[in-house]
C-alpha atoms as a PDB file:
ATOM      1  CA  MET A   1     -21.826  44.571 -31.058  1.00  0.00           C
ATOM      2  CA  GLU A   2     -18.614  44.329 -28.933  1.00  0.00           C
ATOM      3  CA  HIS A   3     -18.288  43.129 -25.401  1.00  0.00           C
ATOM      4  CA  ILE A   4     -15.407  43.737 -23.258  1.00  0.00           C
ATOM      5  CA  VAL A   5     -14.235  40.602 -21.445  1.00  0.00           C
ATOM      6  CA  SER A   6     -11.002  40.472 -18.894  1.00  0.00           C
ATOM      7  CA  VAL A   7      -9.078  37.395 -19.372  1.00  0.00           C
ATOM      8  CA  GLY A   8      -6.043  36.928 -16.893  1.00  0.00           C
ATOM      9  CA  MET A   9      -3.298  35.496 -18.603  1.00  0.00           C
ATOM     10  CA  ASP A  10       0.218  34.303 -17.068  1.00  0.00           C
ATOM     11  CA  VAL A  11       3.391  35.441 -18.351  1.00  0.00           C
ATOM     12  CA  GLU A  12       3.939  32.226 -20.767  1.00  0.00           C
ATOM     13  CA  THR A  13       0.608  32.986 -22.410  1.00  0.00           C
ATOM     14  CA  LEU A  14       1.164  36.439 -22.942  1.00  0.00           C
ATOM     15  CA  LYS A  15       4.678  35.505 -24.478  1.00  0.00           C
ATOM     16  CA  GLN A  16       2.695  32.773 -26.736  1.00  0.00           C
ATOM     17  CA  LEU A  17       0.370  35.717 -27.899  1.00  0.00           C
ATOM     18  CA  ASP A  18       3.368  37.958 -28.534  1.00  0.00           C
ATOM     19  CA  ASN A  19       5.169  35.544 -30.691  1.00  0.00           C
ATOM     20  CA  LEU A  20       2.039  34.670 -32.620  1.00  0.00           C
ATOM     21  CA  ARG A  21       1.710  38.466 -33.315  1.00  0.00           C
ATOM     22  CA  ARG A  22       4.990  38.774 -34.396  1.00  0.00           C
ATOM     23  CA  ALA A  23       4.960  35.919 -36.864  1.00  0.00           C
ATOM     24  CA  HIS A  24       1.550  37.567 -38.290  1.00  0.00           C
ATOM     25  CA  PRO A  25       2.915  41.225 -38.392  1.00  0.00           C
ATOM     26  CA  ASN A  26      -0.668  42.145 -40.157  1.00  0.00           C
ATOM     27  CA  VAL A  27      -2.409  41.147 -36.490  1.00  0.00           C
ATOM     28  CA  PRO A  28      -2.223  44.494 -34.874  1.00  0.00           C
ATOM     29  CA  SER A  29      -2.643  43.414 -31.079  1.00  0.00           C
ATOM     30  CA  ARG A  30      -2.970  40.805 -28.480  1.00  0.00           C
ATOM     31  CA  VAL A  31      -6.631  41.326 -28.550  1.00  0.00           C
ATOM     32  CA  GLU A  32      -6.905  40.691 -32.448  1.00  0.00           C
ATOM     33  CA  VAL A  33      -4.842  37.375 -32.073  1.00  0.00           C
ATOM     34  CA  ILE A  34      -7.349  36.253 -29.697  1.00  0.00           C
ATOM     35  CA  ARG A  35     -10.132  37.474 -31.878  1.00  0.00           C
ATOM     36  CA  ARG A  36      -8.624  35.499 -34.866  1.00  0.00           C
ATOM     37  CA  LEU A  37      -8.121  32.244 -32.767  1.00  0.00           C
ATOM     38  CA  ILE A  38     -11.813  32.517 -31.596  1.00  0.00           C
ATOM     39  CA  TRP A  39     -13.395  33.107 -34.824  1.00  0.00           C
ATOM     40  CA  ALA A  40     -11.063  30.390 -36.291  1.00  0.00           C
ATOM     41  CA  ALA A  41     -12.101  27.693 -33.941  1.00  0.00           C
ATOM     42  CA  HIS A  42     -15.569  28.523 -34.540  1.00  0.00           C
ATOM     43  CA  SER A  43     -15.595  28.133 -38.132  1.00  0.00           C
ATOM     44  CA  LYS A  44     -14.487  24.595 -37.562  1.00  0.00           C
ATOM     45  CA  ILE A  45     -17.766  23.704 -35.445  1.00  0.00           C
ATOM     46  CA  THR A  46     -19.945  21.817 -36.959  1.00  0.00           C
ATOM     47  CA  PRO A  47     -23.919  22.047 -36.733  1.00  0.00           C
ATOM     48  CA  THR A  48     -23.742  18.603 -34.881  1.00  0.00           C
ATOM     49  CA  ASP A  49     -21.103  20.024 -32.343  1.00  0.00           C
ATOM     50  CA  ALA A  50     -23.213  22.954 -31.617  1.00  0.00           C
ATOM     51  CA  ALA A  51     -26.099  20.922 -30.839  1.00  0.00           C
ATOM     52  CA  GLU A  52     -24.425  18.863 -27.681  1.00  0.00           C
END
């Protein structure tokens, strides 16, 4: 299930997202950049971290 979340970003953050997208041409959109960053961060959470 997917949910739509509005996230306000300043111009600098949008430029960073676009730079990441250009650096990884197989990532089609800003949304996908954010999604992959979230999943990468999520995969680094240990069960101990999650319990806090």
